Protein backbone atom coordinates (compact mmCIF):
# COMPACT_ATOMS: atom_id res chain seq x y z
CA MET A 1 -3.49 -14.41 14.04
CA ASP A 2 -3.08 -16.03 10.62
CA ARG A 3 -0.22 -15.44 8.19
CA ARG A 4 -2.11 -12.90 6.09
CA LYS A 5 -3.11 -10.78 9.08
CA SER A 6 0.44 -10.93 10.40
CA LEU A 7 1.86 -9.72 7.09
CA LYS A 8 -0.73 -6.96 6.90
CA SER A 9 -0.10 -5.62 10.39
CA ILE A 10 3.68 -6.01 10.47
CA VAL A 11 4.67 -5.10 6.92
CA LEU A 12 2.35 -2.12 6.53
CA GLY A 13 3.78 -0.69 9.71
CA THR A 14 7.35 -0.91 8.46
CA VAL A 15 7.00 -0.50 4.70
CA ALA A 16 8.04 3.15 4.71
CA THR A 17 11.39 2.19 6.19
CA GLY A 18 11.85 -0.57 3.65
CA LEU A 19 11.17 1.72 0.72
CA ALA A 20 13.24 4.57 2.16
CA ALA A 21 16.28 2.34 2.08
CA HIS A 22 15.93 2.28 -1.70
CA GLY A 23 15.45 5.98 -2.32
CA CYS A 24 11.70 6.59 -2.02
CA LYS A 25 11.14 9.99 -0.46
CA PRO A 26 8.90 10.31 2.62
CA GLY A 27 5.67 12.11 1.83
CA GLU A 28 5.62 11.15 -1.84
CA GLU A 29 2.30 9.74 -2.94
CA SER A 30 2.23 6.27 -4.45
CA PRO A 31 0.90 6.02 -8.00
CA ASP A 32 -2.44 4.40 -8.68
CA GLN A 33 -1.25 0.97 -9.71
CA LEU A 34 -4.54 0.28 -11.46
CA SER A 35 -3.88 3.08 -13.93
CA THR A 36 -1.36 1.97 -16.54
CA GLY A 37 -1.44 4.91 -18.94
CA HIS A 38 0.45 8.17 -18.63
CA GLU A 39 -2.09 10.57 -20.12
CA PRO A 40 -2.94 13.59 -17.90
CA VAL A 41 -5.81 12.87 -15.54
CA ALA A 42 -7.89 15.28 -13.51
CA TRP A 43 -7.23 13.80 -10.08
CA ARG A 44 -3.47 14.29 -10.36
CA THR A 45 -1.79 17.66 -9.92
CA ALA A 46 -0.16 19.38 -12.88
CA TYR A 47 3.25 18.55 -11.40
CA GLU A 48 2.39 14.86 -11.12
CA ASN A 49 1.11 14.79 -14.70
CA ASP A 50 4.31 16.43 -15.91
CA ILE A 51 6.41 13.82 -14.13
CA LEU A 52 4.33 10.97 -15.52
CA SER A 53 4.56 12.35 -19.05
CA GLU A 54 8.32 11.94 -18.87
CA ILE A 55 7.91 8.18 -18.56
CA LYS A 56 7.44 6.96 -22.11
CA ASP A 57 4.71 4.43 -22.82
CA GLY A 58 5.96 0.93 -23.54
CA GLU A 59 9.24 1.25 -21.63
CA ASP A 60 8.51 -1.16 -18.81
CA PHE A 61 11.17 -1.80 -16.19
CA PHE A 62 10.75 -5.58 -16.25
CA ASN A 63 11.16 -7.62 -19.41
CA ALA A 64 8.69 -10.42 -20.13
CA HIS A 65 10.64 -13.09 -18.24
CA GLU A 66 11.23 -10.85 -15.22
CA ARG A 67 7.56 -9.86 -15.08
CA GLU A 68 6.45 -13.50 -15.17
CA THR A 69 8.89 -14.33 -12.38
CA MET A 70 7.72 -11.37 -10.32
CA ILE A 71 4.09 -12.44 -10.70
CA VAL A 72 4.97 -15.88 -9.33
CA LEU A 73 7.00 -14.37 -6.49
CA CYS A 74 4.37 -11.82 -5.46
CA ASP A 75 1.62 -14.45 -5.49
CA LEU A 76 3.74 -16.64 -3.22
CA ILE A 77 4.09 -13.69 -0.84
CA LEU A 78 0.39 -12.83 -0.91
CA PRO A 79 -1.54 -15.74 -2.43
CA PRO A 80 -5.26 -15.67 -3.24
CA SER A 81 -7.72 -17.81 -1.33
CA GLU A 82 -11.43 -18.47 -1.24
CA GLU A 83 -11.83 -15.56 1.17
CA PHE A 84 -9.21 -13.09 -0.04
CA LYS A 85 -7.76 -11.80 -3.28
CA GLY A 86 -4.08 -12.17 -4.10
CA ALA A 87 -1.28 -9.97 -5.39
CA SER A 88 -2.07 -10.62 -9.06
CA ASP A 89 -5.71 -9.66 -8.58
CA ALA A 90 -4.53 -6.11 -7.79
CA ASP A 91 -1.86 -6.17 -10.54
CA VAL A 92 0.83 -5.60 -7.93
CA VAL A 93 3.65 -6.26 -10.39
CA SER A 94 2.59 -3.24 -12.47
CA PHE A 95 2.82 -1.16 -9.31
CA ILE A 96 6.33 -2.46 -8.61
CA ASP A 97 7.29 -1.88 -12.25
CA PHE A 98 6.12 1.72 -11.97
CA MET A 99 7.96 2.30 -8.71
CA ALA A 100 11.16 0.88 -10.19
CA SER A 101 10.79 2.96 -13.36
CA ASP A 102 10.07 6.17 -11.48
CA THR A 103 12.59 5.88 -8.66
CA GLU A 104 15.77 7.93 -8.58
CA SER A 105 17.50 5.03 -6.84
CA GLU A 106 19.65 3.01 -9.22
CA GLN A 107 20.37 0.73 -6.26
CA MET A 108 16.71 -0.28 -6.03
CA GLN A 109 16.64 -1.04 -9.75
CA THR A 110 19.85 -3.04 -9.55
CA ASP A 111 18.62 -4.97 -6.52
CA LEU A 112 15.33 -5.92 -8.22
CA LYS A 113 17.02 -7.13 -11.39
CA GLY A 114 19.82 -8.84 -9.44
CA GLY A 115 17.37 -10.50 -7.07
CA LEU A 116 15.42 -12.04 -9.93
CA MET A 117 18.67 -13.32 -11.42
CA TRP A 118 19.58 -14.79 -8.03
CA LEU A 119 16.24 -16.64 -7.85
CA ASP A 120 16.79 -18.21 -11.27
CA HIS A 121 20.39 -19.15 -10.45
CA LYS A 122 19.37 -20.69 -7.13
CA SER A 123 16.49 -22.60 -8.70
CA ASN A 124 18.64 -23.84 -11.59
CA THR A 125 21.35 -24.95 -9.16
CA ASP A 126 18.97 -26.73 -6.79
CA HIS A 127 16.30 -27.99 -9.15
CA GLY A 128 17.56 -27.63 -12.71
CA VAL A 129 14.81 -25.22 -13.73
CA GLU A 130 14.16 -21.47 -13.65
CA PHE A 131 12.30 -20.18 -10.60
CA LYS A 132 9.01 -19.57 -12.38
CA GLY A 133 9.07 -23.15 -13.77
CA ALA A 134 9.80 -24.86 -10.47
CA THR A 135 7.09 -26.53 -8.44
CA GLN A 136 5.48 -24.48 -5.70
CA ASP A 137 7.13 -26.62 -3.04
CA GLN A 138 10.52 -25.98 -4.64
CA GLN A 139 9.82 -22.25 -4.89
CA LYS A 140 8.76 -22.08 -1.24
CA ALA A 141 11.86 -24.00 -0.17
CA ILE A 142 14.02 -21.34 -1.82
CA LEU A 143 12.07 -18.49 -0.27
CA ASP A 144 12.15 -20.08 3.18
CA GLU A 145 15.92 -19.57 3.15
CA ILE A 146 15.66 -15.80 2.52
CA ALA A 147 12.35 -14.81 4.10
CA TYR A 148 13.76 -14.05 7.55
CA TYR A 149 16.43 -11.61 8.63
CA ASP A 150 18.18 -10.72 11.85
CA PRO A 151 16.57 -7.44 13.01
CA ASP A 152 19.69 -6.66 15.02
CA ALA A 153 21.95 -6.88 11.97
CA PRO A 154 22.51 -3.64 10.02
CA TYR A 155 20.86 -3.59 6.61
CA GLU A 156 24.18 -3.49 4.79
CA ASP A 157 25.41 -6.57 6.68
CA ARG A 158 22.50 -8.80 5.66
CA PRO A 159 22.79 -11.15 2.67
CA PHE A 160 21.79 -9.54 -0.62
CA GLU A 161 19.08 -12.09 -1.35
CA VAL A 162 17.50 -11.53 2.08
CA ASN A 163 17.29 -7.77 1.51
CA PHE A 164 15.90 -8.39 -1.98
CA PHE A 165 13.09 -10.55 -0.64
CA THR A 166 12.32 -8.05 2.12
CA MET A 167 12.05 -5.25 -0.45
CA VAL A 168 9.75 -7.24 -2.73
CA ARG A 169 7.60 -8.28 0.23
CA ASN A 170 7.25 -4.64 1.30
CA LEU A 171 6.40 -3.54 -2.25
CA THR A 172 3.89 -6.36 -2.63
CA MET A 173 2.06 -5.44 0.55
CA THR A 174 2.13 -1.74 -0.28
CA GLY A 175 0.89 -2.38 -3.79
CA PHE A 176 -1.96 -4.58 -2.65
CA TYR A 177 -3.15 -2.63 0.38
CA THR A 178 -3.15 0.69 -1.47
CA SER A 179 -5.23 -0.80 -4.28
CA LYS A 180 -9.03 -0.76 -4.38
CA LEU A 181 -9.11 -4.47 -3.51
CA GLY A 182 -6.77 -4.08 -0.56
CA ILE A 183 -8.61 -1.08 0.84
CA GLU A 184 -11.89 -2.97 0.60
CA GLU A 185 -10.33 -5.96 2.40
CA MET A 186 -9.25 -3.74 5.30
CA GLY A 187 -12.78 -2.34 5.51
CA TYR A 188 -11.59 1.25 5.28
CA LYS A 189 -14.48 3.52 4.31
CA GLY A 190 -12.80 6.90 4.54
CA ASN A 191 -14.28 9.84 6.40
CA MET A 192 -17.84 9.04 7.44
CA PRO A 193 -20.34 11.38 9.14
CA ASN A 194 -21.02 10.48 12.74
CA VAL A 195 -23.90 11.24 15.07
CA TRP A 196 -23.26 13.65 17.94
CA ASN A 197 -25.94 14.19 20.56
CA GLY A 198 -24.06 16.76 22.56
CA VAL A 199 -21.98 16.53 25.71
CA PRO A 200 -23.31 13.76 28.01
CA ASP A 201 -25.62 14.91 30.80
CA ASP A 202 -23.32 13.67 33.58
CA VAL A 203 -20.45 15.76 32.23
CA LEU A 204 -22.64 18.84 31.95
CA GLU A 205 -23.82 18.30 35.53
CA GLN A 206 -20.26 17.86 36.75
CA HIS A 207 -19.33 21.28 35.41
CA GLY A 208 -22.56 22.95 36.43
CA VAL A 209 -23.65 23.91 32.91
CA SER A 210 -26.52 23.05 30.63
CA TYR A 211 -27.62 23.57 27.07
CA ASP A 212 -29.96 26.35 26.02
CA PRO A 213 -33.04 24.45 24.73
CA GLU A 214 -33.32 26.79 21.73
CA TRP A 215 -29.70 26.23 20.69
CA LEU A 216 -29.92 22.53 21.43
CA ALA A 217 -32.82 22.22 19.01
CA LYS A 218 -30.83 24.04 16.33
CA CYS A 219 -27.42 22.46 16.84
CA VAL A 220 -28.26 18.89 17.83
CA ASP A 221 -31.17 18.03 15.58
CA GLN A 222 -30.18 14.87 13.76
CA SER A 223 -33.01 15.27 11.26
CA LYS A 224 -31.13 18.32 9.94
CA ARG A 225 -27.62 16.87 10.06
CA ASN A 226 -27.20 17.07 6.26
CA ILE A 227 -28.50 20.63 5.97
CA ALA A 228 -25.93 23.41 5.88
CA ALA A 229 -26.24 25.94 8.71
CA GLU A 230 -27.47 29.46 7.92
CA TRP A 231 -26.52 32.61 9.85
CA ASP A 232 -27.94 36.10 9.83
CA GLU A 233 -25.83 39.23 9.23
CA ASN A 234 -25.19 39.57 12.95
CA GLY A 235 -23.78 36.08 13.31
CA ASN A 236 -26.88 34.50 14.80
CA LEU A 237 -27.65 30.90 13.86
CA LEU A 238 -30.91 30.65 11.95
CA THR A 239 -31.12 26.95 11.08
């Protein structure tokens, strides 16, 4: 299994836990990260539109420097390739910005801002340049030091920078794989009609039952699968 598949299978399975640690409530729907405006839209509920209207346009969570750094960081976590799209293709940073702006967790906001400051400090100390201006090899060397954590160690006992990277990795994967691009990559097509030809003959024989030919013609006629059933006033199936 390659790195991308590993990230997809492992991180998506644990992302809810990662976000919960920073105040995201279970069951809350993620915003559509491809929609950047806050005008009411039909596919959101009235409650959701009311909440979004409270977030004023133009008040982004990240400033310009932080956003540029986050773009670099997210693309290092989920880089594009000839076969796959990357984090920036799905505008993942806008998703993270929205989540940070909308969260009730000041800790999550502090950790995001503090983590970006840590990256710049570390890069300046080691390489004499801000993180976003370092070479990719230098950036990866920094991330290699914080990309792994001891699963047996309590969250609060792990180094701050390790928890920061874990959070951003979780947000990056969530942002990408809930976007149109990510859903297409996974091949998810939603609910699709299937073809049912009735209970198999060997099962019917095992239980000593059989279909009524008349009902079989009405209920298991694939040429009529897209036609709504009609019933008479006595509850008898017509078509």
